Amino acid sequence: MGGVDIENRKIFSALINENMIGKHIPSILSYSMEFSRMKVRNQKEFDLLKRIKSKDEVKDAIPKQNPNKPPLQVKSICLLMAYMHNLLTEEEKQNPDIAADIDTILRTIPSFIDIMLS
């Protein structure tokens, strides 16, 4: 569906419930097959993500690790929130790896939201 892994339907349906609030959506999306494969490539990228994660705008979107759920990959949450809150410098936006990851996030989210709504 929309070029995203069909396994996401199972993942999202297990995470969505009537108590879900908007700030949890980025973390739910991060469990997708595509986003969970986004690994930190190097120390420079790790430092960037650490800086983003420390921002107040981002802290609420990163949940505490739940032992009943698979390990959470926070890279996609950090990049999505950084994009939404304009937290990246021009140099960081021009980094080909970061730009490709953000492009992947922005291309797949509409399909993820469609899956979540259905």
PDB file of N, CA and C in Angstrom:
ATOM      1  N   MET A   1       0.839  -1.185   0.000  1.00  0.00           N
ATOM      2  CA  MET A   1       0.000   0.000   0.000  1.00  0.00           C
ATOM      3  C   MET A   1       0.882   1.245   0.000  1.00  0.00           C
ATOM      4  N   GLY A   2       0.833   2.059  -1.034  1.00  0.00           N
ATOM      5  CA  GLY A   2       1.578   3.304  -1.090  1.00  0.00           C
ATOM      6  C   GLY A   2       3.085   3.134  -1.034  1.00  0.00           C
ATOM      7  N   GLY A   3       3.606   1.945  -1.386  1.00  0.00           N
ATOM      8  CA  GLY A   3       5.041   1.721  -1.375  1.00  0.00           C
ATOM      9  C   GLY A   3       5.617   1.477   0.003  1.00  0.00           C
ATOM     10  N   VAL A   4       4.772   1.157   0.979  1.00  0.00           N
ATOM     11  CA  VAL A   4       5.265   0.868   2.321  1.00  0.00           C
ATOM     12  C   VAL A   4       4.979  -0.584   2.669  1.00  0.00           C
ATOM     13  N   ASP A   5       5.742  -1.105   3.598  1.00  0.00           N
ATOM     14  CA  ASP A   5       5.647  -2.498   4.005  1.00  0.00           C
ATOM     15  C   ASP A   5       4.273  -2.816   4.593  1.00  0.00           C
ATOM     16  N   ILE A   6       3.643  -3.872   4.120  1.00  0.00           N
ATOM     17  CA  ILE A   6       2.314  -4.281   4.575  1.00  0.00           C
ATOM     18  C   ILE A   6       2.327  -4.692   6.053  1.00  0.00           C
ATOM     19  N   GLU A   7       3.483  -5.076   6.553  1.00  0.00           N
ATOM     20  CA  GLU A   7       3.634  -5.449   7.965  1.00  0.00           C
ATOM     21  C   GLU A   7       3.279  -4.277   8.894  1.00  0.00           C
ATOM     22  N   ASN A   8       3.366  -3.059   8.361  1.00  0.00           N
ATOM     23  CA  ASN A   8       3.047  -1.877   9.165  1.00  0.00           C
ATOM     24  C   ASN A   8       1.604  -1.895   9.664  1.00  0.00           C
ATOM     25  N   ARG A   9       0.691  -2.448   8.909  1.00  0.00           N
ATOM     26  CA  ARG A   9      -0.715  -2.514   9.332  1.00  0.00           C
ATOM     27  C   ARG A   9      -0.813  -3.269  10.661  1.00  0.00           C
ATOM     28  N   LYS A  10      -0.110  -4.384  10.773  1.00  0.00           N
ATOM     29  CA  LYS A  10      -0.115  -5.161  12.020  1.00  0.00           C
ATOM     30  C   LYS A  10       0.529  -4.376  13.156  1.00  0.00           C
ATOM     31  N   ILE A  11       1.648  -3.740  12.852  1.00  0.00           N
ATOM     32  CA  ILE A  11       2.375  -2.973  13.862  1.00  0.00           C
ATOM     33  C   ILE A  11       1.502  -1.845  14.398  1.00  0.00           C
ATOM     34  N   PHE A  12       0.928  -1.060  13.497  1.00  0.00           N
ATOM     35  CA  PHE A  12       0.132   0.098  13.926  1.00  0.00           C
ATOM     36  C   PHE A  12      -1.130  -0.323  14.667  1.00  0.00           C
ATOM     37  N   SER A  13      -1.785  -1.365  14.198  1.00  0.00           N
ATOM     38  CA  SER A  13      -3.029  -1.777  14.872  1.00  0.00           C
ATOM     39  C   SER A  13      -2.760  -2.250  16.297  1.00  0.00           C
ATOM     40  N   ALA A  14      -1.575  -2.790  16.556  1.00  0.00           N
ATOM     41  CA  ALA A  14      -1.228  -3.214  17.915  1.00  0.00           C
ATOM     42  C   ALA A  14      -0.921  -2.021  18.818  1.00  0.00           C
ATOM     43  N   LEU A  15      -0.547  -0.873  18.235  1.00  0.00           N
ATOM     44  CA  LEU A  15      -0.138   0.285  19.018  1.00  0.00           C
ATOM     45  C   LEU A  15      -1.225   1.343  19.193  1.00  0.00           C
ATOM     46  N   ILE A  16      -2.234   1.313  18.324  1.00  0.00           N
ATOM     47  CA  ILE A  16      -3.276   2.337  18.368  1.00  0.00           C
ATOM     48  C   ILE A  16      -4.414   1.880  19.267  1.00  0.00           C
ATOM     49  N   ASN A  17      -4.848   2.785  20.130  1.00  0.00           N
ATOM     50  CA  ASN A  17      -6.016   2.502  20.961  1.00  0.00           C
ATOM     51  C   ASN A  17      -6.763   3.796  21.250  1.00  0.00           C
ATOM     52  N   GLU A  18      -7.865   3.693  21.971  1.00  0.00           N
ATOM     53  CA  GLU A  18      -8.708   4.857  22.219  1.00  0.00           C
ATOM     54  C   GLU A  18      -8.060   5.886  23.154  1.00  0.00           C
ATOM     55  N   ASN A  19      -6.988   5.521  23.829  1.00  0.00           N
ATOM     56  CA  ASN A  19      -6.306   6.438  24.739  1.00  0.00           C
ATOM     57  C   ASN A  19      -5.139   7.176  24.081  1.00  0.00           C
ATOM     58  N   MET A  20      -4.929   6.939  22.805  1.00  0.00           N
ATOM     59  CA  MET A  20      -3.813   7.546  22.095  1.00  0.00           C
ATOM     60  C   MET A  20      -4.006   9.058  21.983  1.00  0.00           C
ATOM     61  N   ILE A  21      -2.918   9.795  22.186  1.00  0.00           N
ATOM     62  CA  ILE A  21      -2.954  11.241  22.003  1.00  0.00           C
ATOM     63  C   ILE A  21      -1.978  11.631  20.903  1.00  0.00           C
ATOM     64  N   GLY A  22      -2.183  12.821  20.356  1.00  0.00           N
ATOM     65  CA  GLY A  22      -1.414  13.268  19.195  1.00  0.00           C
ATOM     66  C   GLY A  22       0.086  13.204  19.341  1.00  0.00           C
ATOM     67  N   LYS A  23       0.589  13.515  20.542  1.00  0.00           N
ATOM     68  CA  LYS A  23       2.047  13.530  20.693  1.00  0.00           C
ATOM     69  C   LYS A  23       2.658  12.138  20.579  1.00  0.00           C
ATOM     70  N   HIS A  24       1.831  11.080  20.615  1.00  0.00           N
ATOM     71  CA  HIS A  24       2.339   9.714  20.481  1.00  0.00           C
ATOM     72  C   HIS A  24       2.486   9.273  19.025  1.00  0.00           C
ATOM     73  N   ILE A  25       1.920  10.018  18.110  1.00  0.00           N
ATOM     74  CA  ILE A  25       1.957   9.608  16.698  1.00  0.00           C
ATOM     75  C   ILE A  25       3.381   9.444  16.167  1.00  0.00           C
ATOM     76  N   PRO A  26       4.314  10.389  16.408  1.00  0.00           N
ATOM     77  CA  PRO A  26       5.680  10.161  15.900  1.00  0.00           C
ATOM     78  C   PRO A  26       6.300   8.866  16.418  1.00  0.00           C
ATOM     79  N   SER A  27       6.055   8.524  17.687  1.00  0.00           N
ATOM     80  CA  SER A  27       6.650   7.285  18.204  1.00  0.00           C
ATOM     81  C   SER A  27       5.977   6.062  17.588  1.00  0.00           C
ATOM     82  N   ILE A  28       4.682   6.124  17.341  1.00  0.00           N
ATOM     83  CA  ILE A  28       3.997   5.007  16.680  1.00  0.00           C
ATOM     84  C   ILE A  28       4.562   4.829  15.271  1.00  0.00           C
ATOM     85  N   LEU A  29       4.745   5.924  14.564  1.00  0.00           N
ATOM     86  CA  LEU A  29       5.303   5.854  13.210  1.00  0.00           C
ATOM     87  C   LEU A  29       6.707   5.271  13.216  1.00  0.00           C
ATOM     88  N   SER A  30       7.466   5.537  14.273  1.00  0.00           N
ATOM     89  CA  SER A  30       8.856   5.062  14.318  1.00  0.00           C
ATOM     90  C   SER A  30       8.954   3.541  14.401  1.00  0.00           C
ATOM     91  N   TYR A  31       7.866   2.878  14.786  1.00  0.00           N
ATOM     92  CA  TYR A  31       7.866   1.411  14.824  1.00  0.00           C
ATOM     93  C   TYR A  31       7.665   0.794  13.439  1.00  0.00           C
ATOM     94  N   SER A  32       7.385   1.627  12.432  1.00  0.00           N
ATOM     95  CA  SER A  32       7.188   1.093  11.081  1.00  0.00           C
ATOM     96  C   SER A  32       8.438   0.348  10.617  1.00  0.00           C
ATOM     97  N   MET A  33       8.242  -0.546   9.689  1.00  0.00           N
ATOM     98  CA  MET A  33       9.373  -1.315   9.153  1.00  0.00           C
ATOM     99  C   MET A  33      10.423  -0.375   8.544  1.00  0.00           C
ATOM    100  N   GLU A  34       9.956   0.622   7.802  1.00  0.00           N
ATOM    101  CA  GLU A  34      10.884   1.537   7.124  1.00  0.00           C
ATOM    102  C   GLU A  34      11.680   2.373   8.122  1.00  0.00           C
ATOM    103  N   PHE A  35      11.011   2.914   9.135  1.00  0.00           N
ATOM    104  CA  PHE A  35      11.693   3.799  10.083  1.00  0.00           C
ATOM    105  C   PHE A  35      12.551   3.018  11.069  1.00  0.00           C
ATOM    106  N   SER A  36      12.138   1.821  11.416  1.00  0.00           N
ATOM    107  CA  SER A  36      12.937   1.041  12.369  1.00  0.00           C
ATOM    108  C   SER A  36      14.273   0.606  11.758  1.00  0.00           C
ATOM    109  N   ARG A  37      14.368   0.636  10.437  1.00  0.00           N
ATOM    110  CA  ARG A  37      15.633   0.303   9.763  1.00  0.00           C
ATOM    111  C   ARG A  37      16.574   1.503   9.649  1.00  0.00           C
ATOM    112  N   MET A  38      16.114   2.687  10.035  1.00  0.00           N
ATOM    113  CA  MET A  38      16.956   3.891   9.963  1.00  0.00           C
ATOM    114  C   MET A  38      17.936   3.890  11.122  1.00  0.00           C
ATOM    115  N   LYS A  39      19.143   3.524  10.845  1.00  0.00           N
ATOM    116  CA  LYS A  39      20.179   3.453  11.879  1.00  0.00           C
ATOM    117  C   LYS A  39      21.072   4.691  11.818  1.00  0.00           C
ATOM    118  N   VAL A  40      21.703   4.987  12.915  1.00  0.00           N
ATOM    119  CA  VAL A  40      22.657   6.089  12.983  1.00  0.00           C
ATOM    120  C   VAL A  40      23.918   5.656  12.250  1.00  0.00           C
ATOM    121  N   ARG A  41      24.380   6.469  11.324  1.00  0.00           N
ATOM    122  CA  ARG A  41      25.488   6.089  10.443  1.00  0.00           C
ATOM    123  C   ARG A  41      26.872   6.370  11.014  1.00  0.00           C
ATOM    124  N   ASN A  42      26.991   7.448  11.792  1.00  0.00           N
ATOM    125  CA  ASN A  42      28.322   7.848  12.262  1.00  0.00           C
ATOM    126  C   ASN A  42      28.204   8.755  13.487  1.00  0.00           C
ATOM    127  N   GLN A  43      29.330   9.139  14.031  1.00  0.00           N
ATOM    128  CA  GLN A  43      29.338   9.967  15.252  1.00  0.00           C
ATOM    129  C   GLN A  43      28.735  11.336  15.009  1.00  0.00           C
ATOM    130  N   LYS A  44      28.988  11.919  13.855  1.00  0.00           N
ATOM    131  CA  LYS A  44      28.438  13.244  13.541  1.00  0.00           C
ATOM    132  C   LYS A  44      26.904  13.193  13.535  1.00  0.00           C
ATOM    133  N   GLU A  45      26.358  12.154  12.955  1.00  0.00           N
ATOM    134  CA  GLU A  45      24.905  11.995  12.934  1.00  0.00           C
ATOM    135  C   GLU A  45      24.374  11.736  14.348  1.00  0.00           C
ATOM    136  N   PHE A  46      25.105  10.931  15.128  1.00  0.00           N
ATOM    137  CA  PHE A  46      24.725  10.678  16.519  1.00  0.00           C
ATOM    138  C   PHE A  46      24.669  11.981  17.311  1.00  0.00           C
ATOM    139  N   ASP A  47      25.674  12.834  17.128  1.00  0.00           N
ATOM    140  CA  ASP A  47      25.718  14.120  17.830  1.00  0.00           C
ATOM    141  C   ASP A  47      24.553  15.021  17.413  1.00  0.00           C
ATOM    142  N   LEU A  48      24.218  15.016  16.129  1.00  0.00           N
ATOM    143  CA  LEU A  48      23.083  15.795  15.634  1.00  0.00           C
ATOM    144  C   LEU A  48      21.784  15.316  16.300  1.00  0.00           C
ATOM    145  N   LEU A  49      21.573  14.006  16.308  1.00  0.00           N
ATOM    146  CA  LEU A  49      20.357  13.455  16.898  1.00  0.00           C
ATOM    147  C   LEU A  49      20.286  13.720  18.394  1.00  0.00           C
ATOM    148  N   LYS A  50      21.426  13.677  19.049  1.00  0.00           N
ATOM    149  CA  LYS A  50      21.482  13.978  20.485  1.00  0.00           C
ATOM    150  C   LYS A  50      21.076  15.433  20.738  1.00  0.00           C
ATOM    151  N   ARG A  51      21.556  16.336  19.884  1.00  0.00           N
ATOM    152  CA  ARG A  51      21.198  17.753  20.007  1.00  0.00           C
ATOM    153  C   ARG A  51      19.700  17.953  19.785  1.00  0.00           C
ATOM    154  N   ILE A  52      19.173  17.318  18.756  1.00  0.00           N
ATOM    155  CA  ILE A  52      17.738  17.428  18.461  1.00  0.00           C
ATOM    156  C   ILE A  52      16.916  16.865  19.619  1.00  0.00           C
ATOM    157  N   LYS A  53      17.322  15.708  20.109  1.00  0.00           N
ATOM    158  CA  LYS A  53      16.589  15.034  21.188  1.00  0.00           C
ATOM    159  C   LYS A  53      16.531  15.886  22.456  1.00  0.00           C
ATOM    160  N   SER A  54      17.500  16.753  22.666  1.00  0.00           N
ATOM    161  CA  SER A  54      17.541  17.572  23.878  1.00  0.00           C
ATOM    162  C   SER A  54      16.585  18.767  23.812  1.00  0.00           C
ATOM    163  N   LYS A  55      16.041  19.061  22.653  1.00  0.00           N
ATOM    164  CA  LYS A  55      15.139  20.209  22.495  1.00  0.00           C
ATOM    165  C   LYS A  55      13.789  19.920  23.133  1.00  0.00           C
ATOM    166  N   ASP A  56      13.223  20.933  23.784  1.00  0.00           N
ATOM    167  CA  ASP A  56      11.935  20.773  24.456  1.00  0.00           C
ATOM    168  C   ASP A  56      10.834  20.328  23.487  1.00  0.00           C
ATOM    169  N   GLU A  57      10.876  20.824  22.253  1.00  0.00           N
ATOM    170  CA  GLU A  57       9.861  20.474  21.264  1.00  0.00           C
ATOM    171  C   GLU A  57       9.866  18.985  20.936  1.00  0.00           C
ATOM    172  N   VAL A  58      11.004  18.339  21.148  1.00  0.00           N
ATOM    173  CA  VAL A  58      11.188  16.946  20.751  1.00  0.00           C
ATOM    174  C   VAL A  58      11.009  15.994  21.933  1.00  0.00           C
ATOM    175  N   LYS A  59      11.354  16.428  23.114  1.00  0.00           N
ATOM    176  CA  LYS A  59      11.329  15.557  24.293  1.00  0.00           C
ATOM    177  C   LYS A  59       9.985  14.862  24.493  1.00  0.00           C
ATOM    178  N   ASP A  60       8.883  15.584  24.333  1.00  0.00           N
ATOM    179  CA  ASP A  60       7.555  14.988  24.537  1.00  0.00           C
ATOM    180  C   ASP A  60       7.212  13.908  23.507  1.00  0.00           C
ATOM    181  N   ALA A  61       7.830  13.981  22.347  1.00  0.00           N
ATOM    182  CA  ALA A  61       7.512  13.013  21.288  1.00  0.00           C
ATOM    183  C   ALA A  61       8.251  11.692  21.460  1.00  0.00           C
ATOM    184  N   ILE A  62       9.247  11.657  22.327  1.00  0.00           N
ATOM    185  CA  ILE A  62      10.037  10.437  22.529  1.00  0.00           C
ATOM    186  C   ILE A  62       9.578   9.758  23.819  1.00  0.00           C
ATOM    187  N   PRO A  63       8.895   8.625  23.670  1.00  0.00           N
ATOM    188  CA  PRO A  63       8.373   7.956  24.866  1.00  0.00           C
ATOM    189  C   PRO A  63       9.463   7.203  25.622  1.00  0.00           C
ATOM    190  N   LYS A  64       9.175   6.879  26.835  1.00  0.00           N
ATOM    191  CA  LYS A  64      10.052   6.001  27.614  1.00  0.00           C
ATOM    192  C   LYS A  64       9.985   4.616  26.980  1.00  0.00           C
ATOM    193  N   GLN A  65      11.104   3.897  27.013  1.00  0.00           N
ATOM    194  CA  GLN A  65      11.133   2.548  26.441  1.00  0.00           C
ATOM    195  C   GLN A  65      10.212   1.632  27.242  1.00  0.00           C
ATOM    196  N   ASN A  66       9.312   0.965  26.552  1.00  0.00           N
ATOM    197  CA  ASN A  66       8.376   0.032  27.159  1.00  0.00           C
ATOM    198  C   ASN A  66       8.917  -1.383  26.951  1.00  0.00           C
ATOM    199  N   PRO A  67       9.136  -2.141  28.036  1.00  0.00           N
ATOM    200  CA  PRO A  67       9.692  -3.489  27.878  1.00  0.00           C
ATOM    201  C   PRO A  67       8.758  -4.449  27.140  1.00  0.00           C
ATOM    202  N   ASN A  68       7.485  -4.089  27.000  1.00  0.00           N
ATOM    203  CA  ASN A  68       6.526  -4.939  26.296  1.00  0.00           C
ATOM    204  C   ASN A  68       6.479  -4.656  24.795  1.00  0.00           C
ATOM    205  N   LYS A  69       7.241  -3.661  24.364  1.00  0.00           N
ATOM    206  CA  LYS A  69       7.277  -3.305  22.941  1.00  0.00           C
ATOM    207  C   LYS A  69       8.694  -3.509  22.419  1.00  0.00           C
ATOM    208  N   PRO A  70       8.834  -3.625  21.105  1.00  0.00           N
ATOM    209  CA  PRO A  70      10.181  -3.759  20.541  1.00  0.00           C
ATOM    210  C   PRO A  70      10.994  -2.498  20.821  1.00  0.00           C
ATOM    211  N   PRO A  71      12.338  -2.593  20.732  1.00  0.00           N
ATOM    212  CA  PRO A  71      13.163  -1.404  20.964  1.00  0.00           C
ATOM    213  C   PRO A  71      12.756  -0.278  20.014  1.00  0.00           C
ATOM    214  N   LEU A  72      12.723   0.919  20.541  1.00  0.00           N
ATOM    215  CA  LEU A  72      12.296   2.080  19.772  1.00  0.00           C
ATOM    216  C   LEU A  72      13.487   2.734  19.083  1.00  0.00           C
ATOM    217  N   GLN A  73      13.378   2.948  17.779  1.00  0.00           N
ATOM    218  CA  GLN A  73      14.401   3.645  17.005  1.00  0.00           C
ATOM    219  C   GLN A  73      14.012   5.128  16.975  1.00  0.00           C
ATOM    220  N   VAL A  74      14.752   5.978  17.688  1.00  0.00           N
ATOM    221  CA  VAL A  74      14.362   7.380  17.826  1.00  0.00           C
ATOM    222  C   VAL A  74      14.860   8.286  16.695  1.00  0.00           C
ATOM    223  N   LYS A  75      15.670   7.766  15.805  1.00  0.00           N
ATOM    224  CA  LYS A  75      16.199   8.606  14.734  1.00  0.00           C
ATOM    225  C   LYS A  75      15.074   9.228  13.908  1.00  0.00           C
ATOM    226  N   SER A  76      14.101   8.450  13.513  1.00  0.00           N
ATOM    227  CA  SER A  76      13.017   8.983  12.690  1.00  0.00           C
ATOM    228  C   SER A  76      12.197  10.018  13.454  1.00  0.00           C
ATOM    229  N   ILE A  77      11.990   9.796  14.749  1.00  0.00           N
ATOM    230  CA  ILE A  77      11.251  10.772  15.560  1.00  0.00           C
ATOM    231  C   ILE A  77      12.028  12.090  15.599  1.00  0.00           C
ATOM    232  N   CYS A  78      13.314  12.002  15.869  1.00  0.00           N
ATOM    233  CA  CYS A  78      14.145  13.207  15.951  1.00  0.00           C
ATOM    234  C   CYS A  78      14.138  13.977  14.634  1.00  0.00           C
ATOM    235  N   LEU A  79      14.321  13.274  13.527  1.00  0.00           N
ATOM    236  CA  LEU A  79      14.358  13.958  12.232  1.00  0.00           C
ATOM    237  C   LEU A  79      13.004  14.545  11.867  1.00  0.00           C
ATOM    238  N   LEU A  80      11.927  13.825  12.131  1.00  0.00           N
ATOM    239  CA  LEU A  80      10.593  14.343  11.849  1.00  0.00           C
ATOM    240  C   LEU A  80      10.320  15.602  12.676  1.00  0.00           C
ATOM    241  N   MET A  81      10.596  15.539  13.964  1.00  0.00           N
ATOM    242  CA  MET A  81      10.354  16.687  14.844  1.00  0.00           C
ATOM    243  C   MET A  81      11.269  17.860  14.484  1.00  0.00           C
ATOM    244  N   ALA A  82      12.513  17.565  14.118  1.00  0.00           N
ATOM    245  CA  ALA A  82      13.441  18.627  13.699  1.00  0.00           C
ATOM    246  C   ALA A  82      12.926  19.309  12.435  1.00  0.00           C
ATOM    247  N   TYR A  83      12.395  18.533  11.518  1.00  0.00           N
ATOM    248  CA  TYR A  83      11.822  19.089  10.289  1.00  0.00           C
ATOM    249  C   TYR A  83      10.598  19.948  10.620  1.00  0.00           C
ATOM    250  N   MET A  84       9.721  19.423  11.451  1.00  0.00           N
ATOM    251  CA  MET A  84       8.486  20.134  11.798  1.00  0.00           C
ATOM    252  C   MET A  84       8.758  21.442  12.543  1.00  0.00           C
ATOM    253  N   HIS A  85       9.782  21.458  13.388  1.00  0.00           N
ATOM    254  CA  HIS A  85      10.081  22.630  14.208  1.00  0.00           C
ATOM    255  C   HIS A  85      11.259  23.444  13.679  1.00  0.00           C
ATOM    256  N   ASN A  86      11.706  23.123  12.469  1.00  0.00           N
ATOM    257  CA  ASN A  86      12.791  23.851  11.814  1.00  0.00           C
ATOM    258  C   ASN A  86      14.037  23.943  12.710  1.00  0.00           C
ATOM    259  N   LEU A  87      14.480  22.791  13.212  1.00  0.00           N
ATOM    260  CA  LEU A  87      15.620  22.732  14.125  1.00  0.00           C
ATOM    261  C   LEU A  87      16.941  22.414  13.438  1.00  0.00           C
ATOM    262  N   LEU A  88      16.910  22.158  12.131  1.00  0.00           N
ATOM    263  CA  LEU A  88      18.125  21.812  11.406  1.00  0.00           C
ATOM    264  C   LEU A  88      18.764  23.054  10.788  1.00  0.00           C
ATOM    265  N   THR A  89      20.087  23.103  10.825  1.00  0.00           N
ATOM    266  CA  THR A  89      20.803  24.184  10.157  1.00  0.00           C
ATOM    267  C   THR A  89      20.771  23.921   8.654  1.00  0.00           C
ATOM    268  N   GLU A  90      21.116  24.934   7.877  1.00  0.00           N
ATOM    269  CA  GLU A  90      21.171  24.755   6.421  1.00  0.00           C
ATOM    270  C   GLU A  90      22.176  23.674   6.045  1.00  0.00           C
ATOM    271  N   GLU A  91      23.310  23.643   6.738  1.00  0.00           N
ATOM    272  CA  GLU A  91      24.329  22.623   6.464  1.00  0.00           C
ATOM    273  C   GLU A  91      23.769  21.224   6.726  1.00  0.00           C
ATOM    274  N   GLU A  92      23.046  21.068   7.827  1.00  0.00           N
ATOM    275  CA  GLU A  92      22.461  19.765   8.148  1.00  0.00           C
ATOM    276  C   GLU A  92      21.402  19.368   7.126  1.00  0.00           C
ATOM    277  N   LYS A  93      20.618  20.329   6.669  1.00  0.00           N
ATOM    278  CA  LYS A  93      19.605  20.055   5.643  1.00  0.00           C
ATOM    279  C   LYS A  93      20.241  19.616   4.327  1.00  0.00           C
ATOM    280  N   GLN A  94      21.443  20.118   4.055  1.00  0.00           N
ATOM    281  CA  GLN A  94      22.145  19.799   2.809  1.00  0.00           C
ATOM    282  C   GLN A  94      22.910  18.481   2.868  1.00  0.00           C
ATOM    283  N   ASN A  95      23.068  17.924   4.064  1.00  0.00           N
ATOM    284  CA  ASN A  95      23.755  16.635   4.206  1.00  0.00           C
ATOM    285  C   ASN A  95      22.961  15.586   3.430  1.00  0.00           C
ATOM    286  N   PRO A  96      23.578  14.905   2.456  1.00  0.00           N
ATOM    287  CA  PRO A  96      22.833  13.970   1.606  1.00  0.00           C
ATOM    288  C   PRO A  96      22.144  12.840   2.390  1.00  0.00           C
ATOM    289  N   ASP A  97      22.792  12.334   3.427  1.00  0.00           N
ATOM    290  CA  ASP A  97      22.187  11.248   4.211  1.00  0.00           C
ATOM    291  C   ASP A  97      20.973  11.736   4.994  1.00  0.00           C
ATOM    292  N   ILE A  98      21.106  12.882   5.643  1.00  0.00           N
ATOM    293  CA  ILE A  98      20.001  13.453   6.408  1.00  0.00           C
ATOM    294  C   ILE A  98      18.855  13.823   5.466  1.00  0.00           C
ATOM    295  N   ALA A  99      19.189  14.438   4.346  1.00  0.00           N
ATOM    296  CA  ALA A  99      18.170  14.816   3.362  1.00  0.00           C
ATOM    297  C   ALA A  99      17.430  13.584   2.845  1.00  0.00           C
ATOM    298  N   ALA A 100      18.144  12.498   2.592  1.00  0.00           N
ATOM    299  CA  ALA A 100      17.510  11.263   2.108  1.00  0.00           C
ATOM    300  C   ALA A 100      16.589  10.664   3.177  1.00  0.00           C
ATOM    301  N   ASP A 101      17.041  10.685   4.429  1.00  0.00           N
ATOM    302  CA  ASP A 101      16.204  10.157   5.513  1.00  0.00           C
ATOM    303  C   ASP A 101      14.927  10.989   5.672  1.00  0.00           C
ATOM    304  N   ILE A 102      15.066  12.303   5.645  1.00  0.00           N
ATOM    305  CA  ILE A 102      13.883  13.166   5.763  1.00  0.00           C
ATOM    306  C   ILE A 102      12.957  12.960   4.583  1.00  0.00           C
ATOM    307  N   ASP A 103      13.509  12.800   3.390  1.00  0.00           N
ATOM    308  CA  ASP A 103      12.688  12.526   2.207  1.00  0.00           C
ATOM    309  C   ASP A 103      11.908  11.217   2.380  1.00  0.00           C
ATOM    310  N   THR A 104      12.569  10.191   2.886  1.00  0.00           N
ATOM    311  CA  THR A 104      11.891   8.911   3.138  1.00  0.00           C
ATOM    312  C   THR A 104      10.750   9.093   4.144  1.00  0.00           C
ATOM    313  N   ILE A 105      11.025   9.826   5.203  1.00  0.00           N
ATOM    314  CA  ILE A 105      10.005  10.077   6.231  1.00  0.00           C
ATOM    315  C   ILE A 105       8.810  10.801   5.617  1.00  0.00           C
ATOM    316  N   LEU A 106       9.068  11.865   4.883  1.00  0.00           N
ATOM    317  CA  LEU A 106       7.979  12.673   4.324  1.00  0.00           C
ATOM    318  C   LEU A 106       7.198  11.933   3.234  1.00  0.00           C
ATOM    319  N   ARG A 107       7.861  11.073   2.482  1.00  0.00           N
ATOM    320  CA  ARG A 107       7.171  10.305   1.433  1.00  0.00           C
ATOM    321  C   ARG A 107       6.282   9.217   2.010  1.00  0.00           C
ATOM    322  N   THR A 108       6.697   8.609   3.130  1.00  0.00           N
ATOM    323  CA  THR A 108       5.948   7.463   3.655  1.00  0.00           C
ATOM    324  C   THR A 108       4.864   7.830   4.662  1.00  0.00           C
ATOM    325  N   ILE A 109       4.996   8.956   5.321  1.00  0.00           N
ATOM    326  CA  ILE A 109       4.018   9.315   6.356  1.00  0.00           C
ATOM    327  C   ILE A 109       2.572   9.357   5.829  1.00  0.00           C
ATOM    328  N   PRO A 110       2.290   9.924   4.662  1.00  0.00           N
ATOM    329  CA  PRO A 110       0.881   9.898   4.215  1.00  0.00           C
ATOM    330  C   PRO A 110       0.299   8.476   4.127  1.00  0.00           C
ATOM    331  N   SER A 111       1.090   7.535   3.652  1.00  0.00           N
ATOM    332  CA  SER A 111       0.618   6.143   3.593  1.00  0.00           C
ATOM    333  C   SER A 111       0.445   5.564   4.992  1.00  0.00           C
ATOM    334  N   PHE A 112       1.350   5.915   5.908  1.00  0.00           N
ATOM    335  CA  PHE A 112       1.233   5.448   7.291  1.00  0.00           C
ATOM    336  C   PHE A 112      -0.036   5.988   7.943  1.00  0.00           C
ATOM    337  N   ILE A 113      -0.313   7.255   7.724  1.00  0.00           N
ATOM    338  CA  ILE A 113      -1.517   7.859   8.300  1.00  0.00           C
ATOM    339  C   ILE A 113      -2.759   7.191   7.712  1.00  0.00           C
ATOM    340  N   ASP A 114      -2.732   6.905   6.425  1.00  0.00           N
ATOM    341  CA  ASP A 114      -3.844   6.205   5.793  1.00  0.00           C
ATOM    342  C   ASP A 114      -4.051   4.829   6.430  1.00  0.00           C
ATOM    343  N   ILE A 115      -2.960   4.114   6.677  1.00  0.00           N
ATOM    344  CA  ILE A 115      -3.052   2.803   7.343  1.00  0.00           C
ATOM    345  C   ILE A 115      -3.613   2.965   8.742  1.00  0.00           C
ATOM    346  N   MET A 116      -3.146   3.956   9.464  1.00  0.00           N
ATOM    347  CA  MET A 116      -3.603   4.175  10.833  1.00  0.00           C
ATOM    348  C   MET A 116      -5.094   4.518  10.884  1.00  0.00           C
ATOM    349  N   LEU A 117      -5.564   5.266   9.910  1.00  0.00           N
ATOM    350  CA  LEU A 117      -6.976   5.655   9.882  1.00  0.00           C
ATOM    351  C   LEU A 117      -7.900   4.505   9.480  1.00  0.00           C
ATOM    352  N   SER A 118      -7.361   3.564   8.729  1.00  0.00           N
ATOM    353  CA  SER A 118      -8.206   2.445   8.279  1.00  0.00           C
ATOM    354  C   SER A 118      -8.149   1.321   9.242  1.00  0.00           C
TER     355      SER A 118
END
